[in-house]
Amino acid sequence: MEKYPLPVFHYTVGWGGTNVGFSEVSGLTIETDPIEYRHGADNEFTKIKMPGLKKYSNITLKRGIMEGDNEFYDWLNTTKMNEPERRDLTISLLNESHEPVRTWKVTQAWPVKVEGPGLKADDNSVAVETVELVHEGVKME
C-alpha cells in the first residue's frame, strides 16, 4: 500500500466554544532563538551557538459568519487588564478515517484581535471573520 502525505483540508479545532468549522488555521510555528557565546580563552576565533528561549507565532483562525453567533466577540470582550479568559486549543490533522494523525496542543490562548469581513457590493463570496490568538506554547503529539 502506497503512503501519501495528508491533505491539509481535513482537520478539527477544539477551542472551548461551540463546535464550528474553521476554513483556515495558520500560525502553528515554534522557533528557538539561538544564543551565541565565546569565552575569552577559546583558541578558536568563532562563537558557539546554543538553544535559547522558544517563541511562538500568533495563531489565526478563519471561519464563515453565522447569524446570531458572536462567540469570538464575547470571548474578546471578556479580556480585562491582566485578566484574559485563557483557553487551551486542540488542533488535529485527520486521516480519511477521521482519526487524528497529528495534534497541536495550544496552551493558555486568548484573543487579541477579531476582524470582520471586507464588505464589497459586487462580491458574492462568503463573509469570513478572522480571530488572532496569542498563547504560551504549542506541543505536537
C-alpha atoms as a PDB file:
ATOM      1  CA  MET A   1       0.000   0.000   0.000  1.00  0.00           C
ATOM      2  CA  GLU A   2       1.346   3.399  -1.003  1.00  0.00           C
ATOM      3  CA  LYS A   3       1.731   6.110   1.605  1.00  0.00           C
ATOM      4  CA  TYR A   4       0.926   9.682   0.681  1.00  0.00           C
ATOM      5  CA  PRO A   5       1.192  12.931   2.623  1.00  0.00           C
ATOM      6  CA  LEU A   6      -2.031  14.003   4.308  1.00  0.00           C
ATOM      7  CA  PRO A   7      -4.151  16.716   2.706  1.00  0.00           C
ATOM      8  CA  VAL A   8      -4.459  19.963   4.662  1.00  0.00           C
ATOM      9  CA  PHE A   9      -8.233  20.305   4.298  1.00  0.00           C
ATOM     10  CA  HIS A  10      -9.319  17.671   6.858  1.00  0.00           C
ATOM     11  CA  TYR A  11      -8.859  18.950  10.420  1.00  0.00           C
ATOM     12  CA  THR A  12     -10.698  19.871  13.612  1.00  0.00           C
ATOM     13  CA  VAL A  13     -10.256  22.699  16.100  1.00  0.00           C
ATOM     14  CA  GLY A  14     -11.394  22.396  19.701  1.00  0.00           C
ATOM     15  CA  TRP A  15     -11.396  25.912  21.151  1.00  0.00           C
ATOM     16  CA  GLY A  16     -13.691  25.745  24.177  1.00  0.00           C
ATOM     17  CA  GLY A  17     -16.717  27.128  22.356  1.00  0.00           C
ATOM     18  CA  THR A  18     -19.403  25.803  20.049  1.00  0.00           C
ATOM     19  CA  ASN A  19     -18.268  23.037  17.724  1.00  0.00           C
ATOM     20  CA  VAL A  20     -17.895  25.003  14.491  1.00  0.00           C
ATOM     21  CA  GLY A  21     -15.729  24.503  11.453  1.00  0.00           C
ATOM     22  CA  PHE A  22     -12.887  26.814  10.570  1.00  0.00           C
ATOM     23  CA  SER A  23     -11.950  27.464   6.965  1.00  0.00           C
ATOM     24  CA  GLU A  24      -8.323  28.202   7.780  1.00  0.00           C
ATOM     25  CA  VAL A  25      -5.826  27.769  10.609  1.00  0.00           C
ATOM     26  CA  SER A  26      -2.357  29.308  10.438  1.00  0.00           C
ATOM     27  CA  GLY A  27       0.500  30.235  12.744  1.00  0.00           C
ATOM     28  CA  LEU A  28       1.448  26.817  14.136  1.00  0.00           C
ATOM     29  CA  THR A  29       5.060  27.948  14.359  1.00  0.00           C
ATOM     30  CA  ILE A  30       7.651  27.148  17.036  1.00  0.00           C
ATOM     31  CA  GLU A  31      11.050  28.856  16.941  1.00  0.00           C
ATOM     32  CA  THR A  32      14.100  28.692  19.189  1.00  0.00           C
ATOM     33  CA  ASP A  33      16.308  31.762  19.425  1.00  0.00           C
ATOM     34  CA  PRO A  34      19.999  30.877  19.173  1.00  0.00           C
ATOM     35  CA  ILE A  35      22.401  32.249  21.770  1.00  0.00           C
ATOM     36  CA  GLU A  36      25.928  32.965  20.559  1.00  0.00           C
ATOM     37  CA  TYR A  37      28.757  32.699  23.064  1.00  0.00           C
ATOM     38  CA  ARG A  38      32.544  32.763  23.096  1.00  0.00           C
ATOM     39  CA  HIS A  39      34.723  32.775  26.166  1.00  0.00           C
ATOM     40  CA  GLY A  40      37.949  34.767  26.050  1.00  0.00           C
ATOM     41  CA  ALA A  41      40.353  31.844  26.477  1.00  0.00           C
ATOM     42  CA  ASP A  42      38.950  29.927  23.481  1.00  0.00           C
ATOM     43  CA  ASN A  43      41.596  29.076  20.882  1.00  0.00           C
ATOM     44  CA  GLU A  44      39.026  29.171  18.097  1.00  0.00           C
ATOM     45  CA  PHE A  45      38.002  32.587  16.812  1.00  0.00           C
ATOM     46  CA  THR A  46      34.371  31.614  16.398  1.00  0.00           C
ATOM     47  CA  LYS A  47      31.318  31.627  18.601  1.00  0.00           C
ATOM     48  CA  ILE A  48      29.390  28.568  19.688  1.00  0.00           C
ATOM     49  CA  LYS A  49      25.617  28.501  19.306  1.00  0.00           C
ATOM     50  CA  MET A  50      23.277  27.230  21.989  1.00  0.00           C
ATOM     51  CA  PRO A  51      19.488  26.989  22.091  1.00  0.00           C
ATOM     52  CA  GLY A  52      17.810  29.886  23.861  1.00  0.00           C
ATOM     53  CA  LEU A  53      14.227  30.872  24.540  1.00  0.00           C
ATOM     54  CA  LYS A  54      11.373  29.488  22.467  1.00  0.00           C
ATOM     55  CA  LYS A  55       8.869  31.760  20.803  1.00  0.00           C
ATOM     56  CA  TYR A  56       5.522  31.044  19.241  1.00  0.00           C
ATOM     57  CA  SER A  57       3.645  32.802  16.448  1.00  0.00           C
ATOM     58  CA  ASN A  58       0.115  34.062  16.932  1.00  0.00           C
ATOM     59  CA  ILE A  59      -2.491  31.604  15.703  1.00  0.00           C
ATOM     60  CA  THR A  60      -5.051  32.824  13.184  1.00  0.00           C
ATOM     61  CA  LEU A  61      -8.442  31.141  12.789  1.00  0.00           C
ATOM     62  CA  LYS A  62     -10.870  31.988   9.995  1.00  0.00           C
ATOM     63  CA  ARG A  63     -14.491  30.935   9.683  1.00  0.00           C
ATOM     64  CA  GLY A  64     -17.707  31.901   7.966  1.00  0.00           C
ATOM     65  CA  ILE A  65     -20.014  34.229   9.897  1.00  0.00           C
ATOM     66  CA  MET A  66     -23.280  32.680  11.055  1.00  0.00           C
ATOM     67  CA  GLU A  67     -26.307  34.739  12.026  1.00  0.00           C
ATOM     68  CA  GLY A  68     -26.516  35.298  15.793  1.00  0.00           C
ATOM     69  CA  ASP A  69     -23.073  33.800  16.512  1.00  0.00           C
ATOM     70  CA  ASN A  70     -20.910  36.281  18.425  1.00  0.00           C
ATOM     71  CA  GLU A  71     -18.806  33.849  20.460  1.00  0.00           C
ATOM     72  CA  PHE A  72     -15.463  35.266  19.336  1.00  0.00           C
ATOM     73  CA  TYR A  73     -16.527  38.822  20.129  1.00  0.00           C
ATOM     74  CA  ASP A  74     -17.883  37.666  23.504  1.00  0.00           C
ATOM     75  CA  TRP A  75     -14.559  35.944  24.235  1.00  0.00           C
ATOM     76  CA  LEU A  76     -12.620  39.053  23.181  1.00  0.00           C
ATOM     77  CA  ASN A  77     -14.837  41.242  25.390  1.00  0.00           C
ATOM     78  CA  THR A  78     -14.056  39.138  28.479  1.00  0.00           C
ATOM     79  CA  THR A  79     -10.456  40.360  28.308  1.00  0.00           C
ATOM     80  CA  LYS A  80      -9.708  42.889  31.018  1.00  0.00           C
ATOM     81  CA  MET A  81      -6.404  44.352  32.125  1.00  0.00           C
ATOM     82  CA  ASN A  82      -4.157  41.410  33.124  1.00  0.00           C
ATOM     83  CA  GLU A  83      -7.159  39.055  33.270  1.00  0.00           C
ATOM     84  CA  PRO A  84      -7.812  37.466  29.873  1.00  0.00           C
ATOM     85  CA  GLU A  85     -10.021  34.406  29.680  1.00  0.00           C
ATOM     86  CA  ARG A  86      -7.451  31.820  28.661  1.00  0.00           C
ATOM     87  CA  ARG A  87      -8.368  28.612  26.869  1.00  0.00           C
ATOM     88  CA  ASP A  88      -6.468  25.590  25.650  1.00  0.00           C
ATOM     89  CA  LEU A  89      -6.967  24.649  21.996  1.00  0.00           C
ATOM     90  CA  THR A  90      -6.561  21.318  20.251  1.00  0.00           C
ATOM     91  CA  ILE A  91      -5.921  21.348  16.507  1.00  0.00           C
ATOM     92  CA  SER A  92      -5.874  17.923  14.853  1.00  0.00           C
ATOM     93  CA  LEU A  93      -4.996  16.918  11.310  1.00  0.00           C
ATOM     94  CA  LEU A  94      -7.182  13.922  10.403  1.00  0.00           C
ATOM     95  CA  ASN A  95      -6.797  10.946   8.094  1.00  0.00           C
ATOM     96  CA  GLU A  96      -9.537   9.626   5.817  1.00  0.00           C
ATOM     97  CA  SER A  97     -10.968   7.608   8.727  1.00  0.00           C
ATOM     98  CA  HIS A  98     -11.439  10.903  10.639  1.00  0.00           C
ATOM     99  CA  GLU A  99      -8.775   9.918  13.206  1.00  0.00           C
ATOM    100  CA  PRO A 100      -6.140  12.409  14.423  1.00  0.00           C
ATOM    101  CA  VAL A 101      -2.727  11.815  12.866  1.00  0.00           C
ATOM    102  CA  ARG A 102      -1.002  14.936  14.190  1.00  0.00           C
ATOM    103  CA  THR A 103      -2.305  17.090  17.026  1.00  0.00           C
ATOM    104  CA  TRP A 104      -1.146  20.511  18.178  1.00  0.00           C
ATOM    105  CA  LYS A 105      -1.978  21.388  21.793  1.00  0.00           C
ATOM    106  CA  VAL A 106      -2.059  25.147  22.290  1.00  0.00           C
ATOM    107  CA  THR A 107      -1.941  26.371  25.892  1.00  0.00           C
ATOM    108  CA  GLN A 108      -3.267  29.497  27.572  1.00  0.00           C
ATOM    109  CA  ALA A 109      -4.644  31.134  24.397  1.00  0.00           C
ATOM    110  CA  TRP A 110      -6.709  34.320  24.350  1.00  0.00           C
ATOM    111  CA  PRO A 111      -7.905  36.582  21.536  1.00  0.00           C
ATOM    112  CA  VAL A 112      -6.100  39.794  20.722  1.00  0.00           C
ATOM    113  CA  LYS A 113      -7.956  40.599  17.522  1.00  0.00           C
ATOM    114  CA  VAL A 114     -11.269  39.765  15.884  1.00  0.00           C
ATOM    115  CA  GLU A 115     -11.636  41.085  12.348  1.00  0.00           C
ATOM    116  CA  GLY A 116     -14.868  41.152  10.389  1.00  0.00           C
ATOM    117  CA  PRO A 117     -15.119  40.557   6.648  1.00  0.00           C
ATOM    118  CA  GLY A 118     -14.306  43.057   3.949  1.00  0.00           C
ATOM    119  CA  LEU A 119     -17.688  44.125   2.618  1.00  0.00           C
ATOM    120  CA  LYS A 120     -17.947  44.695  -1.130  1.00  0.00           C
ATOM    121  CA  ALA A 121     -21.109  45.446  -3.105  1.00  0.00           C
ATOM    122  CA  ASP A 122     -20.108  43.465  -6.204  1.00  0.00           C
ATOM    123  CA  ASP A 123     -18.777  40.339  -4.431  1.00  0.00           C
ATOM    124  CA  ASN A 124     -20.825  37.222  -3.671  1.00  0.00           C
ATOM    125  CA  SER A 125     -18.299  35.290  -1.552  1.00  0.00           C
ATOM    126  CA  VAL A 126     -18.943  34.081   1.999  1.00  0.00           C
ATOM    127  CA  ALA A 127     -18.476  36.572   4.866  1.00  0.00           C
ATOM    128  CA  VAL A 128     -15.428  35.348   6.821  1.00  0.00           C
ATOM    129  CA  GLU A 129     -14.246  36.567  10.216  1.00  0.00           C
ATOM    130  CA  THR A 130     -10.676  36.260  11.448  1.00  0.00           C
ATOM    131  CA  VAL A 131      -9.554  35.706  15.037  1.00  0.00           C
ATOM    132  CA  GLU A 132      -5.955  36.158  16.121  1.00  0.00           C
ATOM    133  CA  LEU A 133      -4.870  34.385  19.313  1.00  0.00           C
ATOM    134  CA  VAL A 134      -1.770  34.754  21.453  1.00  0.00           C
ATOM    135  CA  HIS A 135      -0.702  31.806  23.573  1.00  0.00           C
ATOM    136  CA  GLU A 136       2.029  30.441  25.781  1.00  0.00           C
ATOM    137  CA  GLY A 137       3.024  27.299  23.938  1.00  0.00           C
ATOM    138  CA  VAL A 138       2.401  24.648  21.301  1.00  0.00           C
ATOM    139  CA  LYS A 139       3.151  20.957  21.687  1.00  0.00           C
ATOM    140  CA  MET A 140       2.893  18.442  18.856  1.00  0.00           C
ATOM    141  CA  GLU A 141       1.618  14.944  19.512  1.00  0.00           C
END
